[in-house]
Amino acid sequence: MSMNNFPNTDRNRRTVAWNLRQSERIESVRRISYTVTRSADEDTFRDHHGMALLMNITSQGMLLIMKEAPKREQVMNVRVPTQFDLVAIPTLAEVRGVQKVSLDERESRYLVGLKFLF
Protein backbone atom coordinates (compact mmCIF):
# COMPACT_ATOMS: atom_id res chain seq x y z
CA MET A 1 0.00 0.00 0.00
CA SER A 2 1.37 3.39 -0.95
CA MET A 3 2.00 6.07 1.65
CA ASN A 4 -0.18 8.35 -0.49
CA ASN A 5 -3.23 6.21 0.35
CA PHE A 6 -3.12 7.23 4.04
CA PRO A 7 -5.08 10.34 5.08
CA ASN A 8 -2.79 13.06 6.35
CA THR A 9 -3.69 13.04 10.08
CA ASP A 10 -1.52 13.01 13.18
CA ARG A 11 -2.93 9.64 14.24
CA ASN A 12 -2.04 8.00 10.93
CA ARG A 13 1.45 9.54 10.94
CA ARG A 14 2.06 8.04 14.40
CA THR A 15 0.74 4.65 13.28
CA VAL A 16 2.91 4.61 10.15
CA ALA A 17 6.00 5.74 12.10
CA TRP A 18 5.38 3.06 14.74
CA ASN A 19 4.98 0.37 12.07
CA LEU A 20 8.20 1.46 10.36
CA ARG A 21 10.04 1.31 13.69
CA GLN A 22 8.57 -2.12 14.37
CA SER A 23 9.78 -3.46 11.04
CA GLU A 24 13.44 -2.98 11.96
CA ARG A 25 13.16 -5.06 15.14
CA ILE A 26 14.41 -8.60 14.97
CA GLU A 27 12.70 -11.04 17.32
CA SER A 28 15.36 -13.21 18.89
CA VAL A 29 14.61 -15.08 22.08
CA ARG A 30 17.86 -16.30 23.59
CA ARG A 31 19.91 -16.01 26.75
CA ILE A 32 22.68 -13.42 26.85
CA SER A 33 25.24 -12.50 29.49
CA TYR A 34 25.68 -9.03 30.94
CA THR A 35 27.80 -7.14 33.44
CA VAL A 36 26.54 -4.13 35.37
CA THR A 37 29.37 -1.86 36.45
CA ARG A 38 29.37 0.58 39.35
CA SER A 39 27.99 4.01 38.69
CA ALA A 40 29.78 7.25 39.57
CA ASP A 41 27.73 7.75 42.77
CA GLU A 42 28.31 4.24 44.14
CA ASP A 43 31.71 3.76 45.75
CA THR A 44 31.37 0.18 46.98
CA PHE A 45 29.36 -1.48 44.20
CA ARG A 46 31.18 -4.35 42.54
CA ASP A 47 30.59 -5.55 39.01
CA HIS A 48 27.54 -7.81 38.85
CA HIS A 49 27.45 -10.56 36.23
CA GLY A 50 24.24 -12.24 35.16
CA MET A 51 22.09 -13.72 32.45
CA ALA A 52 19.06 -12.14 30.79
CA LEU A 53 16.60 -13.19 28.15
CA LEU A 54 16.86 -11.21 24.91
CA MET A 55 13.43 -10.51 23.39
CA ASN A 56 14.31 -8.33 20.40
CA ILE A 57 17.13 -6.29 18.96
CA THR A 58 17.53 -3.32 16.60
CA SER A 59 20.50 -1.38 15.33
CA GLN A 60 19.97 1.07 18.22
CA GLY A 61 19.32 -1.25 21.17
CA MET A 62 17.62 -4.31 22.62
CA LEU A 63 14.85 -5.42 24.94
CA LEU A 64 15.71 -7.83 27.75
CA ILE A 65 13.84 -9.67 30.47
CA MET A 66 15.84 -9.64 33.71
CA LYS A 67 15.38 -10.96 37.26
CA GLU A 68 16.80 -7.78 38.81
CA ALA A 69 15.94 -4.19 37.90
CA PRO A 70 18.95 -2.11 36.87
CA LYS A 71 18.86 1.62 37.47
CA ARG A 72 17.78 3.91 34.67
CA GLU A 73 20.83 5.37 32.86
CA GLN A 74 22.99 2.55 34.28
CA VAL A 75 25.65 1.37 31.82
CA MET A 76 25.82 -2.34 31.13
CA ASN A 77 28.24 -4.47 29.16
CA VAL A 78 26.10 -6.88 27.12
CA ARG A 79 27.09 -9.69 24.81
CA VAL A 80 25.21 -9.00 21.58
CA PRO A 81 24.41 -12.27 19.81
CA THR A 82 25.17 -12.81 16.15
CA GLN A 83 23.58 -15.23 13.72
CA PHE A 84 26.26 -17.72 14.72
CA ASP A 85 25.67 -19.12 18.21
CA LEU A 86 29.40 -19.35 18.87
CA VAL A 87 29.97 -15.60 18.56
CA ALA A 88 28.65 -12.77 20.76
CA ILE A 89 30.01 -9.25 20.50
CA PRO A 90 30.58 -7.32 23.74
CA THR A 91 29.24 -3.77 23.70
CA LEU A 92 28.14 -1.07 26.11
CA ALA A 93 24.48 -0.14 26.47
CA GLU A 94 22.58 2.33 28.62
CA VAL A 95 19.39 1.41 30.46
CA ARG A 96 16.65 3.61 29.00
CA GLY A 97 13.58 2.04 30.57
CA VAL A 98 12.58 -0.53 33.18
CA GLN A 99 9.08 -1.98 33.62
CA LYS A 100 8.12 -4.52 36.28
CA VAL A 101 6.09 -7.50 35.07
CA SER A 102 4.40 -9.69 37.70
CA LEU A 103 4.41 -13.37 36.88
CA ASP A 104 2.36 -14.31 39.95
CA GLU A 105 1.94 -13.14 43.56
CA ARG A 106 5.50 -14.05 44.51
CA GLU A 107 7.59 -13.59 41.39
CA SER A 108 8.35 -10.69 39.08
CA ARG A 109 10.64 -9.95 36.15
CA TYR A 110 11.68 -6.69 34.52
CA LEU A 111 11.46 -5.59 30.90
CA VAL A 112 14.63 -3.58 30.32
CA GLY A 113 15.13 -1.38 27.27
CA LEU A 114 18.76 -0.73 26.38
CA LYS A 115 20.28 1.76 23.97
CA PHE A 116 23.66 0.89 22.48
CA LEU A 117 26.49 3.34 23.20
CA PHE A 118 28.96 3.76 20.36
C-alpha atoms as a PDB file:
ATOM      1  CA  MET A   1       0.000   0.000   0.000  1.00  0.00           C
ATOM      2  CA  SER A   2       1.370   3.389  -0.953  1.00  0.00           C
ATOM      3  CA  MET A   3       1.995   6.066   1.655  1.00  0.00           C
ATOM      4  CA  ASN A   4      -0.180   8.352  -0.489  1.00  0.00           C
ATOM      5  CA  ASN A   5      -3.228   6.214   0.351  1.00  0.00           C
ATOM      6  CA  PHE A   6      -3.123   7.230   4.044  1.00  0.00           C
ATOM      7  CA  PRO A   7      -5.077  10.337   5.079  1.00  0.00           C
ATOM      8  CA  ASN A   8      -2.786  13.064   6.349  1.00  0.00           C
ATOM      9  CA  THR A   9      -3.693  13.037  10.076  1.00  0.00           C
ATOM     10  CA  ASP A  10      -1.524  13.013  13.184  1.00  0.00           C
ATOM     11  CA  ARG A  11      -2.926   9.644  14.240  1.00  0.00           C
ATOM     12  CA  ASN A  12      -2.039   8.001  10.929  1.00  0.00           C
ATOM     13  CA  ARG A  13       1.454   9.540  10.938  1.00  0.00           C
ATOM     14  CA  ARG A  14       2.059   8.040  14.405  1.00  0.00           C
ATOM     15  CA  THR A  15       0.745   4.655  13.277  1.00  0.00           C
ATOM     16  CA  VAL A  16       2.905   4.608  10.151  1.00  0.00           C
ATOM     17  CA  ALA A  17       5.996   5.737  12.098  1.00  0.00           C
ATOM     18  CA  TRP A  18       5.377   3.056  14.738  1.00  0.00           C
ATOM     19  CA  ASN A  19       4.978   0.374  12.069  1.00  0.00           C
ATOM     20  CA  LEU A  20       8.196   1.455  10.363  1.00  0.00           C
ATOM     21  CA  ARG A  21      10.038   1.309  13.691  1.00  0.00           C
ATOM     22  CA  GLN A  22       8.571  -2.120  14.365  1.00  0.00           C
ATOM     23  CA  SER A  23       9.780  -3.456  11.037  1.00  0.00           C
ATOM     24  CA  GLU A  24      13.440  -2.981  11.957  1.00  0.00           C
ATOM     25  CA  ARG A  25      13.157  -5.055  15.142  1.00  0.00           C
ATOM     26  CA  ILE A  26      14.412  -8.597  14.970  1.00  0.00           C
ATOM     27  CA  GLU A  27      12.703 -11.038  17.316  1.00  0.00           C
ATOM     28  CA  SER A  28      15.364 -13.212  18.886  1.00  0.00           C
ATOM     29  CA  VAL A  29      14.609 -15.082  22.084  1.00  0.00           C
ATOM     30  CA  ARG A  30      17.862 -16.302  23.594  1.00  0.00           C
ATOM     31  CA  ARG A  31      19.912 -16.009  26.751  1.00  0.00           C
ATOM     32  CA  ILE A  32      22.684 -13.416  26.852  1.00  0.00           C
ATOM     33  CA  SER A  33      25.238 -12.500  29.488  1.00  0.00           C
ATOM     34  CA  TYR A  34      25.685  -9.032  30.941  1.00  0.00           C
ATOM     35  CA  THR A  35      27.797  -7.141  33.444  1.00  0.00           C
ATOM     36  CA  VAL A  36      26.541  -4.134  35.370  1.00  0.00           C
ATOM     37  CA  THR A  37      29.368  -1.863  36.446  1.00  0.00           C
ATOM     38  CA  ARG A  38      29.365   0.576  39.345  1.00  0.00           C
ATOM     39  CA  SER A  39      27.989   4.009  38.686  1.00  0.00           C
ATOM     40  CA  ALA A  40      29.776   7.246  39.574  1.00  0.00           C
ATOM     41  CA  ASP A  41      27.734   7.750  42.766  1.00  0.00           C
ATOM     42  CA  GLU A  42      28.314   4.236  44.138  1.00  0.00           C
ATOM     43  CA  ASP A  43      31.708   3.759  45.752  1.00  0.00           C
ATOM     44  CA  THR A  44      31.370   0.184  46.982  1.00  0.00           C
ATOM     45  CA  PHE A  45      29.358  -1.479  44.201  1.00  0.00           C
ATOM     46  CA  ARG A  46      31.176  -4.349  42.542  1.00  0.00           C
ATOM     47  CA  ASP A  47      30.586  -5.552  39.013  1.00  0.00           C
ATOM     48  CA  HIS A  48      27.543  -7.809  38.846  1.00  0.00           C
ATOM     49  CA  HIS A  49      27.453 -10.563  36.231  1.00  0.00           C
ATOM     50  CA  GLY A  50      24.239 -12.237  35.165  1.00  0.00           C
ATOM     51  CA  MET A  51      22.094 -13.722  32.452  1.00  0.00           C
ATOM     52  CA  ALA A  52      19.060 -12.139  30.793  1.00  0.00           C
ATOM     53  CA  LEU A  53      16.596 -13.187  28.147  1.00  0.00           C
ATOM     54  CA  LEU A  54      16.862 -11.214  24.912  1.00  0.00           C
ATOM     55  CA  MET A  55      13.431 -10.509  23.394  1.00  0.00           C
ATOM     56  CA  ASN A  56      14.306  -8.331  20.395  1.00  0.00           C
ATOM     57  CA  ILE A  57      17.132  -6.291  18.961  1.00  0.00           C
ATOM     58  CA  THR A  58      17.528  -3.322  16.602  1.00  0.00           C
ATOM     59  CA  SER A  59      20.505  -1.379  15.326  1.00  0.00           C
ATOM     60  CA  GLN A  60      19.971   1.073  18.219  1.00  0.00           C
ATOM     61  CA  GLY A  61      19.316  -1.253  21.171  1.00  0.00           C
ATOM     62  CA  MET A  62      17.623  -4.308  22.620  1.00  0.00           C
ATOM     63  CA  LEU A  63      14.846  -5.421  24.937  1.00  0.00           C
ATOM     64  CA  LEU A  64      15.713  -7.826  27.751  1.00  0.00           C
ATOM     65  CA  ILE A  65      13.836  -9.666  30.474  1.00  0.00           C
ATOM     66  CA  MET A  66      15.837  -9.642  33.714  1.00  0.00           C
ATOM     67  CA  LYS A  67      15.377 -10.957  37.258  1.00  0.00           C
ATOM     68  CA  GLU A  68      16.803  -7.778  38.807  1.00  0.00           C
ATOM     69  CA  ALA A  69      15.937  -4.193  37.896  1.00  0.00           C
ATOM     70  CA  PRO A  70      18.951  -2.110  36.875  1.00  0.00           C
ATOM     71  CA  LYS A  71      18.861   1.618  37.466  1.00  0.00           C
ATOM     72  CA  ARG A  72      17.777   3.911  34.670  1.00  0.00           C
ATOM     73  CA  GLU A  73      20.833   5.370  32.857  1.00  0.00           C
ATOM     74  CA  GLN A  74      22.993   2.551  34.279  1.00  0.00           C
ATOM     75  CA  VAL A  75      25.648   1.369  31.819  1.00  0.00           C
ATOM     76  CA  MET A  76      25.822  -2.342  31.132  1.00  0.00           C
ATOM     77  CA  ASN A  77      28.239  -4.471  29.161  1.00  0.00           C
ATOM     78  CA  VAL A  78      26.097  -6.878  27.124  1.00  0.00           C
ATOM     79  CA  ARG A  79      27.088  -9.693  24.811  1.00  0.00           C
ATOM     80  CA  VAL A  80      25.206  -8.998  21.578  1.00  0.00           C
ATOM     81  CA  PRO A  81      24.415 -12.268  19.808  1.00  0.00           C
ATOM     82  CA  THR A  82      25.168 -12.808  16.150  1.00  0.00           C
ATOM     83  CA  GLN A  83      23.580 -15.232  13.723  1.00  0.00           C
ATOM     84  CA  PHE A  84      26.264 -17.720  14.716  1.00  0.00           C
ATOM     85  CA  ASP A  85      25.669 -19.117  18.208  1.00  0.00           C
ATOM     86  CA  LEU A  86      29.403 -19.348  18.873  1.00  0.00           C
ATOM     87  CA  VAL A  87      29.972 -15.596  18.562  1.00  0.00           C
ATOM     88  CA  ALA A  88      28.653 -12.775  20.763  1.00  0.00           C
ATOM     89  CA  ILE A  89      30.009  -9.246  20.499  1.00  0.00           C
ATOM     90  CA  PRO A  90      30.577  -7.323  23.744  1.00  0.00           C
ATOM     91  CA  THR A  91      29.241  -3.771  23.700  1.00  0.00           C
ATOM     92  CA  LEU A  92      28.139  -1.067  26.114  1.00  0.00           C
ATOM     93  CA  ALA A  93      24.484  -0.139  26.467  1.00  0.00           C
ATOM     94  CA  GLU A  94      22.582   2.328  28.621  1.00  0.00           C
ATOM     95  CA  VAL A  95      19.392   1.408  30.463  1.00  0.00           C
ATOM     96  CA  ARG A  96      16.651   3.614  28.996  1.00  0.00           C
ATOM     97  CA  GLY A  97      13.581   2.037  30.573  1.00  0.00           C
ATOM     98  CA  VAL A  98      12.575  -0.534  33.178  1.00  0.00           C
ATOM     99  CA  GLN A  99       9.084  -1.982  33.615  1.00  0.00           C
ATOM    100  CA  LYS A 100       8.115  -4.517  36.283  1.00  0.00           C
ATOM    101  CA  VAL A 101       6.086  -7.496  35.065  1.00  0.00           C
ATOM    102  CA  SER A 102       4.401  -9.691  37.703  1.00  0.00           C
ATOM    103  CA  LEU A 103       4.407 -13.374  36.876  1.00  0.00           C
ATOM    104  CA  ASP A 104       2.360 -14.311  39.946  1.00  0.00           C
ATOM    105  CA  GLU A 105       1.936 -13.136  43.555  1.00  0.00           C
ATOM    106  CA  ARG A 106       5.505 -14.047  44.510  1.00  0.00           C
ATOM    107  CA  GLU A 107       7.586 -13.589  41.387  1.00  0.00           C
ATOM    108  CA  SER A 108       8.346 -10.685  39.075  1.00  0.00           C
ATOM    109  CA  ARG A 109      10.644  -9.946  36.155  1.00  0.00           C
ATOM    110  CA  TYR A 110      11.679  -6.691  34.521  1.00  0.00           C
ATOM    111  CA  LEU A 111      11.459  -5.593  30.901  1.00  0.00           C
ATOM    112  CA  VAL A 112      14.628  -3.581  30.322  1.00  0.00           C
ATOM    113  CA  GLY A 113      15.126  -1.384  27.275  1.00  0.00           C
ATOM    114  CA  LEU A 114      18.763  -0.728  26.379  1.00  0.00           C
ATOM    115  CA  LYS A 115      20.284   1.758  23.970  1.00  0.00           C
ATOM    116  CA  PHE A 116      23.661   0.889  22.479  1.00  0.00           C
ATOM    117  CA  LEU A 117      26.491   3.338  23.200  1.00  0.00           C
ATOM    118  CA  PHE A 118      28.963   3.757  20.355  1.00  0.00           C
END
